[in-house]
Amino acid sequence: MELKSSNKNIRIVGCAGIVAGAAMVATSQESFVHTFGMGILAGGLVFLVLPFFRTTWRK
């Protein structure tokens, strides 16, 4: 699957990161796995919001 817009690709990666991070946090019982899941969740949020800042900086 190839998308023409890099913003859509970044949003897909962000959504996948949020889902993966939330799943790891929900299923983890060890503190390391919980922290790792929070890192993935935070990274997913960054990638989800990143296209909004890219379009703002281009103007």
PDB file of N, CA and C in Angstrom:
ATOM      1  N   MET A   1       0.843  -1.178   0.000  1.00  0.00           N
ATOM      2  CA  MET A   1       0.000   0.000   0.000  1.00  0.00           C
ATOM      3  C   MET A   1       0.887   1.240   0.000  1.00  0.00           C
ATOM      4  N   GLU A   2       0.718   2.057  -1.015  1.00  0.00           N
ATOM      5  CA  GLU A   2       1.518   3.269  -1.104  1.00  0.00           C
ATOM      6  C   GLU A   2       0.583   4.475  -1.101  1.00  0.00           C
ATOM      7  N   LEU A   3       0.820   5.367  -0.184  1.00  0.00           N
ATOM      8  CA  LEU A   3       0.027   6.584  -0.107  1.00  0.00           C
ATOM      9  C   LEU A   3       0.832   7.738  -0.677  1.00  0.00           C
ATOM     10  N   LYS A   4       0.159   8.656  -1.323  1.00  0.00           N
ATOM     11  CA  LYS A   4       0.846   9.777  -1.958  1.00  0.00           C
ATOM     12  C   LYS A   4       1.272  10.837  -0.957  1.00  0.00           C
ATOM     13  N   SER A   5       0.529  11.019   0.103  1.00  0.00           N
ATOM     14  CA  SER A   5       0.801  12.084   1.063  1.00  0.00           C
ATOM     15  C   SER A   5       1.616  11.552   2.236  1.00  0.00           C
ATOM     16  N   SER A   6       2.715  12.233   2.529  1.00  0.00           N
ATOM     17  CA  SER A   6       3.512  11.812   3.687  1.00  0.00           C
ATOM     18  C   SER A   6       2.777  12.100   4.992  1.00  0.00           C
ATOM     19  N   ASN A   7       1.886  13.093   4.999  1.00  0.00           N
ATOM     20  CA  ASN A   7       1.108  13.380   6.205  1.00  0.00           C
ATOM     21  C   ASN A   7       0.222  12.197   6.578  1.00  0.00           C
ATOM     22  N   LYS A   8      -0.356  11.538   5.585  1.00  0.00           N
ATOM     23  CA  LYS A   8      -1.197  10.369   5.866  1.00  0.00           C
ATOM     24  C   LYS A   8      -0.358   9.229   6.409  1.00  0.00           C
ATOM     25  N   ASN A   9       0.838   9.049   5.852  1.00  0.00           N
ATOM     26  CA  ASN A   9       1.722   7.993   6.355  1.00  0.00           C
ATOM     27  C   ASN A   9       2.085   8.243   7.808  1.00  0.00           C
ATOM     28  N   ILE A  10       2.402   9.480   8.148  1.00  0.00           N
ATOM     29  CA  ILE A  10       2.769   9.818   9.522  1.00  0.00           C
ATOM     30  C   ILE A  10       1.592   9.591  10.458  1.00  0.00           C
ATOM     31  N   ARG A  11       0.392   9.935  10.013  1.00  0.00           N
ATOM     32  CA  ARG A  11      -0.793   9.725  10.852  1.00  0.00           C
ATOM     33  C   ARG A  11      -1.066   8.243  11.074  1.00  0.00           C
ATOM     34  N   ILE A  12      -0.835   7.426  10.042  1.00  0.00           N
ATOM     35  CA  ILE A  12      -1.036   5.981  10.199  1.00  0.00           C
ATOM     36  C   ILE A  12      -0.050   5.425  11.217  1.00  0.00           C
ATOM     37  N   VAL A  13       1.202   5.859  11.146  1.00  0.00           N
ATOM     38  CA  VAL A  13       2.209   5.421  12.120  1.00  0.00           C
ATOM     39  C   VAL A  13       1.818   5.883  13.521  1.00  0.00           C
ATOM     40  N   GLY A  14       1.307   7.111  13.636  1.00  0.00           N
ATOM     41  CA  GLY A  14       0.872   7.620  14.933  1.00  0.00           C
ATOM     42  C   GLY A  14      -0.265   6.814  15.519  1.00  0.00           C
ATOM     43  N   CYS A  15      -1.254   6.499  14.701  1.00  0.00           N
ATOM     44  CA  CYS A  15      -2.383   5.695  15.180  1.00  0.00           C
ATOM     45  C   CYS A  15      -1.925   4.301  15.599  1.00  0.00           C
ATOM     46  N   ALA A  16      -1.030   3.716  14.820  1.00  0.00           N
ATOM     47  CA  ALA A  16      -0.516   2.390  15.171  1.00  0.00           C
ATOM     48  C   ALA A  16       0.264   2.440  16.482  1.00  0.00           C
ATOM     49  N   GLY A  17       1.030   3.500  16.692  1.00  0.00           N
ATOM     50  CA  GLY A  17       1.776   3.647  17.940  1.00  0.00           C
ATOM     51  C   GLY A  17       0.864   3.812  19.140  1.00  0.00           C
ATOM     52  N   ILE A  18      -0.200   4.570  18.958  1.00  0.00           N
ATOM     53  CA  ILE A  18      -1.149   4.767  20.057  1.00  0.00           C
ATOM     54  C   ILE A  18      -1.826   3.446  20.418  1.00  0.00           C
ATOM     55  N   VAL A  19      -2.246   2.699  19.413  1.00  0.00           N
ATOM     56  CA  VAL A  19      -2.906   1.419  19.668  1.00  0.00           C
ATOM     57  C   VAL A  19      -1.940   0.437  20.332  1.00  0.00           C
ATOM     58  N   ALA A  20      -0.715   0.358  19.813  1.00  0.00           N
ATOM     59  CA  ALA A  20       0.266  -0.570  20.390  1.00  0.00           C
ATOM     60  C   ALA A  20       0.637  -0.167  21.814  1.00  0.00           C
ATOM     61  N   GLY A  21       0.836   1.121  22.042  1.00  0.00           N
ATOM     62  CA  GLY A  21       1.184   1.583  23.384  1.00  0.00           C
ATOM     63  C   GLY A  21       0.068   1.354  24.378  1.00  0.00           C
ATOM     64  N   ALA A  22      -1.166   1.639  23.966  1.00  0.00           N
ATOM     65  CA  ALA A  22      -2.301   1.426  24.861  1.00  0.00           C
ATOM     66  C   ALA A  22      -2.481  -0.058  25.176  1.00  0.00           C
ATOM     67  N   ALA A  23      -2.254  -0.912  24.191  1.00  0.00           N
ATOM     68  CA  ALA A  23      -2.371  -2.353  24.431  1.00  0.00           C
ATOM     69  C   ALA A  23      -1.297  -2.836  25.398  1.00  0.00           C
ATOM     70  N   MET A  24      -0.074  -2.323  25.246  1.00  0.00           N
ATOM     71  CA  MET A  24       0.997  -2.738  26.156  1.00  0.00           C
ATOM     72  C   MET A  24       0.733  -2.259  27.577  1.00  0.00           C
ATOM     73  N   VAL A  25       0.229  -1.031  27.720  1.00  0.00           N
ATOM     74  CA  VAL A  25      -0.065  -0.506  29.055  1.00  0.00           C
ATOM     75  C   VAL A  25      -1.203  -1.299  29.691  1.00  0.00           C
ATOM     76  N   ALA A  26      -2.221  -1.630  28.899  1.00  0.00           N
ATOM     77  CA  ALA A  26      -3.379  -2.339  29.444  1.00  0.00           C
ATOM     78  C   ALA A  26      -3.046  -3.769  29.861  1.00  0.00           C
ATOM     79  N   THR A  27      -2.122  -4.408  29.161  1.00  0.00           N
ATOM     80  CA  THR A  27      -1.838  -5.811  29.453  1.00  0.00           C
ATOM     81  C   THR A  27      -0.607  -6.024  30.319  1.00  0.00           C
ATOM     82  N   SER A  28       0.132  -4.969  30.614  1.00  0.00           N
ATOM     83  CA  SER A  28       1.388  -5.152  31.349  1.00  0.00           C
ATOM     84  C   SER A  28       1.149  -5.226  32.850  1.00  0.00           C
ATOM     85  N   GLN A  29       2.008  -5.984  33.499  1.00  0.00           N
ATOM     86  CA  GLN A  29       1.988  -6.046  34.951  1.00  0.00           C
ATOM     87  C   GLN A  29       3.351  -5.713  35.529  1.00  0.00           C
ATOM     88  N   GLU A  30       4.359  -5.639  34.688  1.00  0.00           N
ATOM     89  CA  GLU A  30       5.695  -5.274  35.139  1.00  0.00           C
ATOM     90  C   GLU A  30       5.931  -3.797  34.838  1.00  0.00           C
ATOM     91  N   SER A  31       6.701  -3.156  35.673  1.00  0.00           N
ATOM     92  CA  SER A  31       6.896  -1.716  35.510  1.00  0.00           C
ATOM     93  C   SER A  31       7.678  -1.384  34.243  1.00  0.00           C
ATOM     94  N   PHE A  32       8.651  -2.240  33.851  1.00  0.00           N
ATOM     95  CA  PHE A  32       9.424  -1.958  32.641  1.00  0.00           C
ATOM     96  C   PHE A  32       8.538  -1.980  31.410  1.00  0.00           C
ATOM     97  N   VAL A  33       7.670  -2.983  31.311  1.00  0.00           N
ATOM     98  CA  VAL A  33       6.787  -3.090  30.153  1.00  0.00           C
ATOM     99  C   VAL A  33       5.802  -1.932  30.141  1.00  0.00           C
ATOM    100  N   HIS A  34       5.334  -1.532  31.311  1.00  0.00           N
ATOM    101  CA  HIS A  34       4.423  -0.396  31.407  1.00  0.00           C
ATOM    102  C   HIS A  34       5.118   0.882  30.927  1.00  0.00           C
ATOM    103  N   THR A  35       6.354   1.102  31.347  1.00  0.00           N
ATOM    104  CA  THR A  35       7.105   2.286  30.924  1.00  0.00           C
ATOM    105  C   THR A  35       7.374   2.250  29.428  1.00  0.00           C
ATOM    106  N   PHE A  36       7.717   1.085  28.903  1.00  0.00           N
ATOM    107  CA  PHE A  36       7.952   0.929  27.471  1.00  0.00           C
ATOM    108  C   PHE A  36       6.673   1.222  26.686  1.00  0.00           C
ATOM    109  N   GLY A  37       5.536   0.746  27.180  1.00  0.00           N
ATOM    110  CA  GLY A  37       4.256   1.019  26.534  1.00  0.00           C
ATOM    111  C   GLY A  37       3.903   2.495  26.554  1.00  0.00           C
ATOM    112  N   MET A  38       4.222   3.170  27.656  1.00  0.00           N
ATOM    113  CA  MET A  38       3.966   4.615  27.718  1.00  0.00           C
ATOM    114  C   MET A  38       4.842   5.366  26.718  1.00  0.00           C
ATOM    115  N   GLY A  39       6.073   4.901  26.522  1.00  0.00           N
ATOM    116  CA  GLY A  39       6.956   5.517  25.529  1.00  0.00           C
ATOM    117  C   GLY A  39       6.417   5.364  24.121  1.00  0.00           C
ATOM    118  N   ILE A  40       5.918   4.178  23.804  1.00  0.00           N
ATOM    119  CA  ILE A  40       5.326   3.955  22.483  1.00  0.00           C
ATOM    120  C   ILE A  40       4.069   4.798  22.323  1.00  0.00           C
ATOM    121  N   LEU A  41       3.263   4.883  23.371  1.00  0.00           N
ATOM    122  CA  LEU A  41       2.046   5.689  23.333  1.00  0.00           C
ATOM    123  C   LEU A  41       2.373   7.163  23.111  1.00  0.00           C
ATOM    124  N   ALA A  42       3.364   7.674  23.820  1.00  0.00           N
ATOM    125  CA  ALA A  42       3.766   9.075  23.649  1.00  0.00           C
ATOM    126  C   ALA A  42       4.327   9.319  22.253  1.00  0.00           C
ATOM    127  N   GLY A  43       5.114   8.381  21.750  1.00  0.00           N
ATOM    128  CA  GLY A  43       5.642   8.515  20.389  1.00  0.00           C
ATOM    129  C   GLY A  43       4.533   8.516  19.351  1.00  0.00           C
ATOM    130  N   GLY A  44       3.526   7.683  19.566  1.00  0.00           N
ATOM    131  CA  GLY A  44       2.382   7.671  18.653  1.00  0.00           C
ATOM    132  C   GLY A  44       1.636   8.989  18.655  1.00  0.00           C
ATOM    133  N   LEU A  45       1.493   9.582  19.832  1.00  0.00           N
ATOM    134  CA  LEU A  45       0.835  10.891  19.908  1.00  0.00           C
ATOM    135  C   LEU A  45       1.639  11.959  19.181  1.00  0.00           C
ATOM    136  N   VAL A  46       2.959  11.896  19.303  1.00  0.00           N
ATOM    137  CA  VAL A  46       3.810  12.869  18.597  1.00  0.00           C
ATOM    138  C   VAL A  46       3.642  12.719  17.093  1.00  0.00           C
ATOM    139  N   PHE A  47       3.676  11.485  16.593  1.00  0.00           N
ATOM    140  CA  PHE A  47       3.522  11.274  15.159  1.00  0.00           C
ATOM    141  C   PHE A  47       2.122  11.634  14.675  1.00  0.00           C
ATOM    142  N   LEU A  48       1.120  11.497  15.527  1.00  0.00           N
ATOM    143  CA  LEU A  48      -0.238  11.849  15.135  1.00  0.00           C
ATOM    144  C   LEU A  48      -0.405  13.357  15.006  1.00  0.00           C
ATOM    145  N   VAL A  49       0.259  14.122  15.859  1.00  0.00           N
ATOM    146  CA  VAL A  49       0.120  15.582  15.865  1.00  0.00           C
ATOM    147  C   VAL A  49       1.127  16.250  14.924  1.00  0.00           C
ATOM    148  N   LEU A  50       2.194  15.564  14.561  1.00  0.00           N
ATOM    149  CA  LEU A  50       3.266  16.144  13.758  1.00  0.00           C
ATOM    150  C   LEU A  50       2.801  16.776  12.444  1.00  0.00           C
ATOM    151  N   PRO A  51       1.890  16.177  11.667  1.00  0.00           N
ATOM    152  CA  PRO A  51       1.476  16.820  10.410  1.00  0.00           C
ATOM    153  C   PRO A  51       0.832  18.192  10.603  1.00  0.00           C
ATOM    154  N   PHE A  52       0.194  18.429  11.726  1.00  0.00           N
ATOM    155  CA  PHE A  52      -0.405  19.742  11.957  1.00  0.00           C
ATOM    156  C   PHE A  52       0.666  20.818  12.064  1.00  0.00           C
ATOM    157  N   PHE A  53       1.790  20.482  12.705  1.00  0.00           N
ATOM    158  CA  PHE A  53       2.879  21.444  12.828  1.00  0.00           C
ATOM    159  C   PHE A  53       3.610  21.626  11.508  1.00  0.00           C
ATOM    160  N   ARG A  54       3.717  20.572  10.708  1.00  0.00           N
ATOM    161  CA  ARG A  54       4.394  20.682   9.414  1.00  0.00           C
ATOM    162  C   ARG A  54       3.652  21.620   8.488  1.00  0.00           C
ATOM    163  N   THR A  55       2.325  21.560   8.471  1.00  0.00           N
ATOM    164  CA  THR A  55       1.565  22.442   7.593  1.00  0.00           C
ATOM    165  C   THR A  55       1.611  23.875   8.093  1.00  0.00           C
ATOM    166  N   THR A  56       1.728  24.069   9.396  1.00  0.00           N
ATOM    167  CA  THR A  56       1.821  25.418   9.955  1.00  0.00           C
ATOM    168  C   THR A  56       3.162  26.051   9.614  1.00  0.00           C
ATOM    169  N   TRP A  57       4.242  25.272   9.646  1.00  0.00           N
ATOM    170  CA  TRP A  57       5.573  25.816   9.380  1.00  0.00           C
ATOM    171  C   TRP A  57       5.785  26.160   7.915  1.00  0.00           C
ATOM    172  N   ARG A  58       5.044  25.545   7.004  1.00  0.00           N
ATOM    173  CA  ARG A  58       5.228  25.799   5.572  1.00  0.00           C
ATOM    174  C   ARG A  58       4.732  27.170   5.156  1.00  0.00           C
ATOM    175  N   LYS A  59       3.809  27.745   5.890  1.00  0.00           N
ATOM    176  CA  LYS A  59       3.195  29.021   5.489  1.00  0.00           C
ATOM    177  C   LYS A  59       4.123  30.175   5.600  1.00  0.00           C
TER     178      LYS A  59
END
